[in-house]
Protein backbone atom coordinates (compact mmCIF):
# COMPACT_ATOMS: atom_id res chain seq x y z
CA MET A 1 -11.22 -18.73 -13.03
CA SER A 2 -9.51 -16.03 -15.04
CA LYS A 3 -10.01 -12.34 -15.48
CA LYS A 4 -9.67 -10.56 -18.79
CA PHE A 5 -6.90 -8.03 -18.78
CA SER A 6 -6.28 -5.31 -21.30
CA LEU A 7 -3.43 -5.54 -23.80
CA ALA A 8 -0.07 -5.13 -22.09
CA GLY A 9 -1.80 -4.44 -18.75
CA MET A 10 -2.82 -0.92 -20.01
CA ILE A 11 -5.06 0.86 -17.52
CA THR A 12 -8.12 2.10 -19.41
CA LYS A 13 -10.13 3.26 -16.42
CA ASP A 14 -8.95 5.19 -13.39
CA GLY A 15 -9.93 4.36 -9.85
CA ASN A 16 -10.01 0.62 -10.39
CA SER A 17 -7.25 -0.50 -8.09
CA LEU A 18 -9.70 -2.05 -5.59
CA ASP A 19 -11.11 -4.18 -8.43
CA LEU A 20 -7.86 -6.12 -8.88
CA LYS A 21 -5.84 -7.77 -6.09
CA THR A 22 -2.31 -7.00 -7.20
CA GLY A 23 -0.35 -7.71 -4.02
CA ASP A 24 1.34 -10.69 -5.59
CA TRP A 25 3.20 -8.35 -8.03
CA ARG A 26 5.48 -7.03 -5.32
CA ILE A 27 8.88 -8.23 -4.15
CA ARG A 28 8.86 -5.90 -1.10
CA TYR A 29 6.22 -5.16 1.46
CA PRO A 30 5.73 -2.50 4.21
CA VAL A 31 5.71 -3.43 7.87
CA HIS A 32 4.06 -0.95 10.24
CA LEU A 33 6.13 -0.40 13.40
CA LYS A 34 3.40 0.56 15.82
CA GLU A 35 5.72 1.63 18.61
CA LYS A 36 7.28 4.34 16.38
CA CYS A 37 4.06 5.52 14.68
CA LYS A 38 2.67 8.94 15.66
CA HIS A 39 -0.40 8.62 13.35
CA CYS A 40 0.53 11.64 11.26
CA MET A 41 -1.14 9.92 8.29
CA LEU A 42 1.40 11.08 5.68
CA CYS A 43 1.68 7.49 4.48
CA VAL A 44 -2.08 7.37 3.88
CA VAL A 45 -1.97 10.58 1.86
CA TYR A 46 0.95 9.44 -0.32
CA CYS A 47 0.02 5.79 -0.89
CA PRO A 48 -0.76 5.53 -4.60
CA GLU A 49 -2.93 2.44 -4.12
CA ASP A 50 -4.82 3.44 -0.97
CA CYS A 51 -3.56 0.34 0.78
CA ILE A 52 -3.06 1.76 4.23
CA ARG A 53 -6.00 1.11 6.48
CA HIS A 54 -6.98 3.59 9.20
CA THR A 55 -9.84 4.66 11.36
CA GLU A 56 -11.88 7.76 10.84
CA ASP A 57 -10.26 9.39 13.84
CA ALA A 58 -6.80 9.03 12.23
CA LYS A 59 -5.37 5.88 13.76
CA LEU A 60 -3.30 3.73 11.54
CA LEU A 61 -4.38 0.08 11.49
CA GLY A 62 -1.89 -1.38 8.96
CA MET A 63 -1.35 -2.23 5.32
CA ASP A 64 -3.65 -4.20 3.07
CA LEU A 65 -1.10 -6.38 1.35
CA GLN A 66 -3.60 -7.79 -1.12
CA TYR A 67 -3.39 -4.48 -3.00
CA CYS A 68 0.09 -3.15 -2.08
CA LYS A 69 2.59 -3.19 -4.93
CA GLY A 70 5.61 -2.66 -2.69
CA CYS A 71 6.62 0.76 -4.03
CA GLY A 72 7.95 1.95 -0.64
CA VAL A 73 6.49 5.46 -0.91
CA CYS A 74 4.90 5.04 2.56
CA ALA A 75 8.26 4.22 4.13
CA LYS A 76 9.98 7.13 2.39
CA VAL A 77 7.49 9.76 3.51
CA CYS A 78 7.23 8.58 7.15
CA PRO A 79 9.05 11.12 9.34
CA PHE A 80 9.21 8.71 12.23
CA ASP A 81 10.66 5.68 10.43
CA ALA A 82 7.53 3.74 11.47
CA ILE A 83 7.33 1.82 8.18
CA GLU A 84 10.01 -0.61 7.21
CA MET A 85 10.24 -2.33 3.85
CA LYS A 86 10.84 -6.08 3.92
CA SER A 87 11.70 -8.40 1.04
CA ASP A 88 9.37 -11.15 -0.26
CA VAL A 89 12.35 -12.97 -1.86
C-alpha cells in the first residue's frame, strides 16, 4: 500500500499532520520524565506537531511517537527538564 505524496514533500494543505504518520523520519525522540514534570503544559503549547498527549485537566500523558519528528522543541521549553531527548541511532 502506498500513499501519494506531493512533489518534493511540499505541504499543500495546512493542518494535515494527523493524516500522515511521520514518526519514522526522526533520529531523536522525547522521553517524558514523570517524576520531574509539573504539568505546566508549555511543551504542549510549543509542540509543532501536536504530539504530546494530555488530559483535559492538564495532566501530561506522554508523547505520540507515531507523529513526532524529533525536533526537541518540547525539551528546550520545559523549565523542569522533564523531557529528555534520546537517539534512535
